Amino acid sequence: MSDVTGKVAVVTGAGSGIGRALALELARRGARLAISDIDAAGLAATADEVTALGAPVHADRLDVSDRDAFRAYAAAVAGHYGVVHQLYNNAGIADSAPSILETGYGAFERVLGVNLWGVLHGTKEFLPHLIASGDGHVVTISSLNGYMAQAGLAPYCTSKFAVRGFTETLRSEMLRDGHPVRVTVVHPGGVATNIAVAALTAAKARGETVTAEQETRTRTYSEKLLRMDPRRAATIILDGVRAGRPRILVGNDAKAIDALVRLVPRQYPKLVTWWSKRMFPEP
């Protein structure tokens, strides 16, 4: 088995997508799991699958944007297992955002609350336990939109760029202070999750007007861009964590865009805009 055998690994957003895949792969590799999600049904399904694999699991419904709830959750996990070794800050959402000019503050608050503050809460609350374990690891899930900005995704890009900066600062501090905690930021490309559909569904539930263009854009993302099996993504991530990599790119699209941004930093926004117009033509 891998070096996660017997370790306690915390995974947020474990009710679906990459989070569920991470939880299941960690279980296969012999970890003890603490999983959470705001979706109680999805969380229960993941917990059942983890249990079927024979791994211990502690599951709690959690809104990662709620600081007090996260503090209580971290204390409960530490109390349950007595130690925590790894934290996978995975929970994330998107939101409908046609442009910064047209997007209300609410969209930024929702996305930053989960994608950024969820990472801050998780790291702050679990970090003392990770240090105390003597063999800690913080893993945060950013995105290829953590190094490539894209029109129409302002709240999401803002959150994922911030996650990258926060994680790299944390790594520098752990090295400076000599703490036994490794730090990894993950930049997935198009993984087959429900993030795009969930954003549209949530917008409708809030009573917002959803245009035909938004429907088409979401369908295009789900059918053409979000293609990698989450199980494959989880394997890449955990292999990278085992190797101690500080930065993990998941998928050929993430690698290609990383190269593009590095090679032509001034020109890439024009290239991305050209690609977007071809991929999402206006009606």
Protein backbone atom coordinates (compact mmCIF):
# COMPACT_ATOMS: atom_id res chain seq x y z
CA MET A 1 0.00 0.00 0.00
CA SER A 2 0.99 3.65 -0.33
CA ASP A 3 2.32 5.80 2.47
CA VAL A 4 -1.21 6.96 3.40
CA THR A 5 -1.86 3.58 4.99
CA GLY A 6 -3.22 4.13 8.49
CA LYS A 7 -3.15 7.91 8.19
CA VAL A 8 -6.15 10.12 8.88
CA ALA A 9 -7.15 12.09 5.78
CA VAL A 10 -9.79 14.83 5.78
CA VAL A 11 -11.63 15.50 2.51
CA THR A 12 -14.11 18.36 2.10
CA GLY A 13 -16.67 18.34 -0.69
CA ALA A 14 -16.62 14.54 -0.64
CA GLY A 15 -20.23 14.10 -1.72
CA SER A 16 -19.44 14.02 -5.44
CA GLY A 17 -16.85 14.62 -8.15
CA ILE A 18 -13.18 14.84 -7.31
CA GLY A 19 -13.92 14.82 -3.57
CA ARG A 20 -15.74 11.49 -3.71
CA ALA A 21 -13.05 10.03 -5.97
CA LEU A 22 -10.33 11.20 -3.56
CA ALA A 23 -12.13 9.67 -0.60
CA LEU A 24 -12.54 6.32 -2.35
CA GLU A 25 -8.96 6.18 -3.61
CA LEU A 26 -7.64 7.13 -0.17
CA ALA A 27 -9.76 4.30 1.26
CA ARG A 28 -8.30 1.86 -1.27
CA ARG A 29 -4.81 2.97 -0.21
CA GLY A 30 -5.51 2.25 3.43
CA ALA A 31 -6.30 5.67 4.88
CA ARG A 32 -8.76 6.45 7.65
CA LEU A 33 -11.25 8.99 6.37
CA ALA A 34 -12.99 12.08 7.68
CA ILE A 35 -15.32 13.36 4.96
CA SER A 36 -17.77 16.23 4.72
CA ASP A 37 -20.12 17.90 2.27
CA ILE A 38 -23.05 20.27 2.37
CA ASP A 39 -25.03 17.68 0.36
CA ALA A 40 -26.13 15.17 2.99
CA ALA A 41 -27.36 12.60 0.45
CA GLY A 42 -24.18 12.69 -1.59
CA LEU A 43 -22.09 12.50 1.58
CA ALA A 44 -24.00 9.46 2.81
CA ALA A 45 -23.48 7.71 -0.54
CA THR A 46 -19.73 8.34 -0.37
CA ALA A 47 -19.59 7.13 3.23
CA ASP A 48 -21.34 3.90 2.24
CA GLU A 49 -18.82 3.31 -0.56
CA VAL A 50 -15.88 4.01 1.74
CA THR A 51 -17.29 1.61 4.33
CA ALA A 52 -17.74 -1.05 1.65
CA LEU A 53 -14.02 -0.74 0.93
CA GLY A 54 -13.31 -1.55 4.57
CA ALA A 55 -11.96 1.86 5.57
CA PRO A 56 -12.93 3.68 8.78
CA VAL A 57 -14.94 6.82 8.00
CA HIS A 58 -16.19 9.80 10.01
CA ALA A 59 -18.81 11.72 8.01
CA ASP A 60 -20.44 15.05 8.85
CA ARG A 61 -22.54 17.49 6.86
CA LEU A 62 -20.58 20.75 6.69
CA ASP A 63 -20.87 24.19 5.11
CA VAL A 64 -17.20 25.06 4.71
CA SER A 65 -18.02 28.77 4.53
CA ASP A 66 -19.30 28.65 8.13
CA ARG A 67 -16.30 29.33 10.40
CA ASP A 68 -17.90 28.19 13.63
CA ALA A 69 -19.19 25.01 12.03
CA PHE A 70 -15.74 24.26 10.61
CA ARG A 71 -14.11 24.84 13.99
CA ALA A 72 -16.50 22.39 15.60
CA TYR A 73 -15.98 19.89 12.78
CA ALA A 74 -12.19 19.98 13.11
CA ALA A 75 -12.45 19.43 16.85
CA ALA A 76 -14.82 16.51 16.31
CA VAL A 77 -12.51 14.84 13.78
CA ALA A 78 -9.45 15.30 15.98
CA GLY A 79 -11.38 13.98 18.95
CA HIS A 80 -12.62 10.98 16.99
CA TYR A 81 -9.26 9.84 15.63
CA GLY A 82 -6.83 11.50 18.04
CA VAL A 83 -4.64 12.65 15.16
CA VAL A 84 -4.98 14.19 11.68
CA HIS A 85 -2.31 13.77 8.99
CA GLN A 86 -3.72 15.06 5.71
CA LEU A 87 -6.22 17.73 4.68
CA TYR A 88 -7.72 17.88 1.20
CA ASN A 89 -9.36 21.30 0.78
CA ASN A 90 -11.55 20.23 -2.12
CA ALA A 91 -15.01 21.78 -1.67
CA GLY A 92 -15.79 24.23 -4.46
CA ILE A 93 -18.58 25.83 -6.46
CA ALA A 94 -19.04 28.02 -9.52
CA ASP A 95 -21.67 30.69 -10.19
CA SER A 96 -23.38 32.39 -13.07
CA ALA A 97 -21.30 35.48 -13.92
CA PRO A 98 -21.73 36.94 -17.43
CA SER A 99 -19.35 39.83 -16.71
CA ILE A 100 -17.93 41.77 -13.77
CA LEU A 101 -20.09 44.71 -14.82
CA GLU A 102 -23.26 42.63 -14.65
CA THR A 103 -22.41 40.32 -11.75
CA GLY A 104 -23.74 41.25 -8.33
CA TYR A 105 -21.76 41.11 -5.13
CA GLY A 106 -23.76 38.08 -4.05
CA ALA A 107 -22.08 35.85 -6.64
CA PHE A 108 -18.63 36.87 -5.43
CA GLU A 109 -19.63 36.33 -1.80
CA ARG A 110 -21.04 32.86 -2.51
CA VAL A 111 -18.06 31.63 -4.50
CA LEU A 112 -15.38 33.19 -2.30
CA GLY A 113 -17.21 31.90 0.78
CA VAL A 114 -16.78 28.29 -0.34
CA ASN A 115 -13.74 28.29 -2.62
CA LEU A 116 -11.50 30.66 -0.65
CA TRP A 117 -12.87 30.93 2.88
CA GLY A 118 -13.50 27.18 2.94
CA VAL A 119 -9.79 26.67 2.29
CA LEU A 120 -8.84 29.28 4.90
CA HIS A 121 -11.14 27.74 7.50
CA GLY A 122 -9.97 24.20 6.83
CA THR A 123 -6.30 25.11 6.91
CA LYS A 124 -6.51 27.31 10.00
CA GLU A 125 -8.56 24.80 11.99
CA PHE A 126 -6.63 21.65 11.02
CA LEU A 127 -3.08 23.03 10.75
CA PRO A 128 -2.25 22.68 14.48
CA HIS A 129 -3.32 19.02 14.29
CA LEU A 130 -1.27 18.43 11.13
CA ILE A 131 1.81 19.93 12.78
CA ALA A 132 1.23 17.82 15.91
CA SER A 133 1.04 14.66 13.79
CA GLY A 134 4.70 15.09 12.80
CA ASP A 135 3.85 14.14 9.21
CA GLY A 136 1.23 16.56 7.92
CA HIS A 137 0.16 17.49 4.42
CA VAL A 138 -2.19 20.23 3.21
CA VAL A 139 -3.60 19.77 -0.30
CA THR A 140 -5.72 22.50 -1.86
CA ILE A 141 -7.68 22.13 -5.07
CA SER A 142 -7.32 25.21 -7.25
CA SER A 143 -7.98 25.00 -11.01
CA LEU A 144 -6.43 25.79 -14.34
CA ASN A 145 -8.38 29.00 -13.72
CA GLY A 146 -5.96 29.53 -10.85
CA TYR A 147 -3.34 30.60 -13.38
CA MET A 148 -5.46 31.42 -16.43
CA ALA A 149 -8.10 34.16 -16.21
CA GLN A 150 -11.18 33.80 -18.39
CA ALA A 151 -14.01 36.18 -19.21
CA GLY A 152 -17.35 35.26 -17.69
CA LEU A 153 -15.79 33.46 -14.71
CA ALA A 154 -14.78 36.37 -12.49
CA PRO A 155 -15.87 34.99 -9.08
CA TYR A 156 -14.43 31.55 -9.85
CA CYS A 157 -11.11 32.82 -11.25
CA THR A 158 -10.76 35.27 -8.36
CA SER A 159 -11.22 32.48 -5.83
CA LYS A 160 -8.88 30.03 -7.54
CA PHE A 161 -6.06 32.54 -8.06
CA ALA A 162 -6.41 33.40 -4.36
CA VAL A 163 -6.28 29.73 -3.37
CA ARG A 164 -3.05 29.37 -5.28
CA GLY A 165 -1.49 32.39 -3.56
CA PHE A 166 -2.66 31.27 -0.13
CA THR A 167 -1.30 27.75 -0.63
CA GLU A 168 2.09 28.92 -1.87
CA THR A 169 2.37 31.32 1.07
CA LEU A 170 1.54 28.47 3.44
CA ARG A 171 4.26 26.33 1.85
CA SER A 172 6.81 29.11 2.33
CA GLU A 173 5.84 29.51 5.98
CA MET A 174 6.02 25.79 6.72
CA LEU A 175 9.52 25.72 5.23
CA ARG A 176 10.60 28.88 7.04
CA ASP A 177 9.34 27.73 10.41
CA GLY A 178 10.47 24.11 10.07
CA HIS A 179 7.04 22.60 10.60
CA PRO A 180 6.58 18.95 9.51
CA VAL A 181 3.85 19.80 7.01
CA ARG A 182 4.13 19.49 3.26
CA VAL A 183 1.91 21.68 1.09
CA THR A 184 0.52 20.98 -2.39
CA VAL A 185 -1.66 23.01 -4.74
CA VAL A 186 -3.60 21.12 -7.40
CA HIS A 187 -4.69 22.60 -10.73
CA PRO A 188 -7.23 20.31 -12.41
CA GLY A 189 -8.29 20.83 -15.99
CA GLY A 190 -11.62 19.56 -17.30
CA VAL A 191 -12.75 16.84 -14.89
CA ALA A 192 -16.21 15.31 -15.32
CA THR A 193 -17.93 16.78 -12.27
CA ASN A 194 -21.31 18.46 -11.87
CA ILE A 195 -19.88 21.89 -10.97
CA ALA A 196 -21.21 23.65 -14.08
CA VAL A 197 -24.68 22.08 -13.88
CA ALA A 198 -24.85 22.68 -10.12
CA ALA A 199 -24.13 26.39 -10.62
CA LEU A 200 -27.00 26.71 -13.08
CA THR A 201 -29.35 24.68 -10.88
CA ALA A 202 -28.52 26.87 -7.88
CA ALA A 203 -29.17 30.03 -9.91
CA LYS A 204 -32.61 28.75 -10.87
CA ALA A 205 -33.35 27.83 -7.24
CA ARG A 206 -32.55 31.42 -6.23
CA GLY A 207 -35.09 32.62 -8.77
CA GLU A 208 -32.52 34.15 -11.11
CA THR A 209 -33.18 34.42 -14.81
CA VAL A 210 -31.17 31.85 -16.76
CA THR A 211 -30.68 32.64 -20.43
CA ALA A 212 -30.56 30.22 -23.34
CA GLU A 213 -26.93 31.24 -23.80
CA GLN A 214 -26.11 30.19 -20.23
CA GLU A 215 -27.89 26.87 -20.76
CA THR A 216 -25.90 26.25 -23.94
CA ARG A 217 -22.62 27.24 -22.29
CA THR A 218 -23.25 24.86 -19.39
CA ARG A 219 -24.13 22.02 -21.75
CA THR A 220 -20.97 22.65 -23.79
CA TYR A 221 -18.81 22.58 -20.66
CA SER A 222 -20.37 19.34 -19.45
CA GLU A 223 -20.29 17.55 -22.81
CA LYS A 224 -17.06 18.81 -24.38
CA LEU A 225 -14.72 20.25 -21.75
CA LEU A 226 -15.30 18.41 -18.45
CA ARG A 227 -14.22 14.99 -19.66
CA MET A 228 -11.61 13.38 -17.40
CA ASP A 229 -12.90 10.62 -15.13
CA PRO A 230 -12.71 11.86 -11.51
CA ARG A 231 -11.13 8.53 -10.55
CA ARG A 232 -8.24 9.27 -12.89
CA ALA A 233 -7.92 12.77 -11.43
CA ALA A 234 -7.83 11.36 -7.90
CA THR A 235 -5.09 8.89 -8.84
CA ILE A 236 -2.96 11.68 -10.36
CA ILE A 237 -3.46 13.84 -7.27
CA LEU A 238 -2.64 11.13 -4.74
CA ASP A 239 0.37 9.92 -6.69
CA GLY A 240 1.62 13.50 -6.70
CA VAL A 241 0.97 13.89 -2.97
CA ARG A 242 2.83 10.65 -2.28
CA ALA A 243 5.77 11.99 -4.31
CA GLY A 244 5.71 15.24 -2.31
CA ARG A 245 5.08 17.46 -5.32
CA PRO A 246 4.31 21.07 -4.41
CA ARG A 247 2.27 21.60 -7.60
CA ILE A 248 0.15 19.09 -9.49
CA LEU A 249 -1.38 19.70 -12.92
CA VAL A 250 -4.25 17.33 -13.70
CA GLY A 251 -4.89 16.68 -17.38
CA ASN A 252 -3.29 17.57 -20.69
CA ASP A 253 -5.47 20.68 -20.92
CA ALA A 254 -4.11 21.97 -17.60
CA LYS A 255 -0.55 21.30 -18.78
CA ALA A 256 -1.09 22.93 -22.18
CA ILE A 257 -2.66 26.06 -20.71
CA ASP A 258 0.07 26.31 -18.09
CA ALA A 259 2.64 26.27 -20.91
CA LEU A 260 0.66 28.85 -22.89
CA VAL A 261 0.42 31.28 -19.98
CA ARG A 262 4.13 30.94 -19.27
CA LEU A 263 5.21 31.32 -22.91
CA VAL A 264 2.97 34.23 -23.91
CA PRO A 265 1.72 35.95 -20.75
CA ARG A 266 0.78 39.14 -22.58
CA GLN A 267 -0.96 37.45 -25.50
CA TYR A 268 -2.81 34.61 -23.81
CA PRO A 269 -5.95 36.67 -22.93
CA LYS A 270 -6.46 37.38 -26.63
CA LEU A 271 -5.97 33.73 -27.51
CA VAL A 272 -8.40 32.60 -24.80
CA THR A 273 -10.95 35.17 -25.97
CA TRP A 274 -10.63 33.92 -29.57
CA TRP A 275 -11.07 30.31 -28.39
CA SER A 276 -14.09 31.22 -26.25
CA LYS A 277 -15.85 32.91 -29.15
CA ARG A 278 -15.42 29.78 -31.25
CA MET A 279 -16.45 27.45 -28.45
CA PHE A 280 -19.37 29.58 -27.24
CA PRO A 281 -20.64 31.54 -30.27
CA GLU A 282 -23.20 34.22 -29.53
CA PRO A 283 -26.74 33.38 -30.67
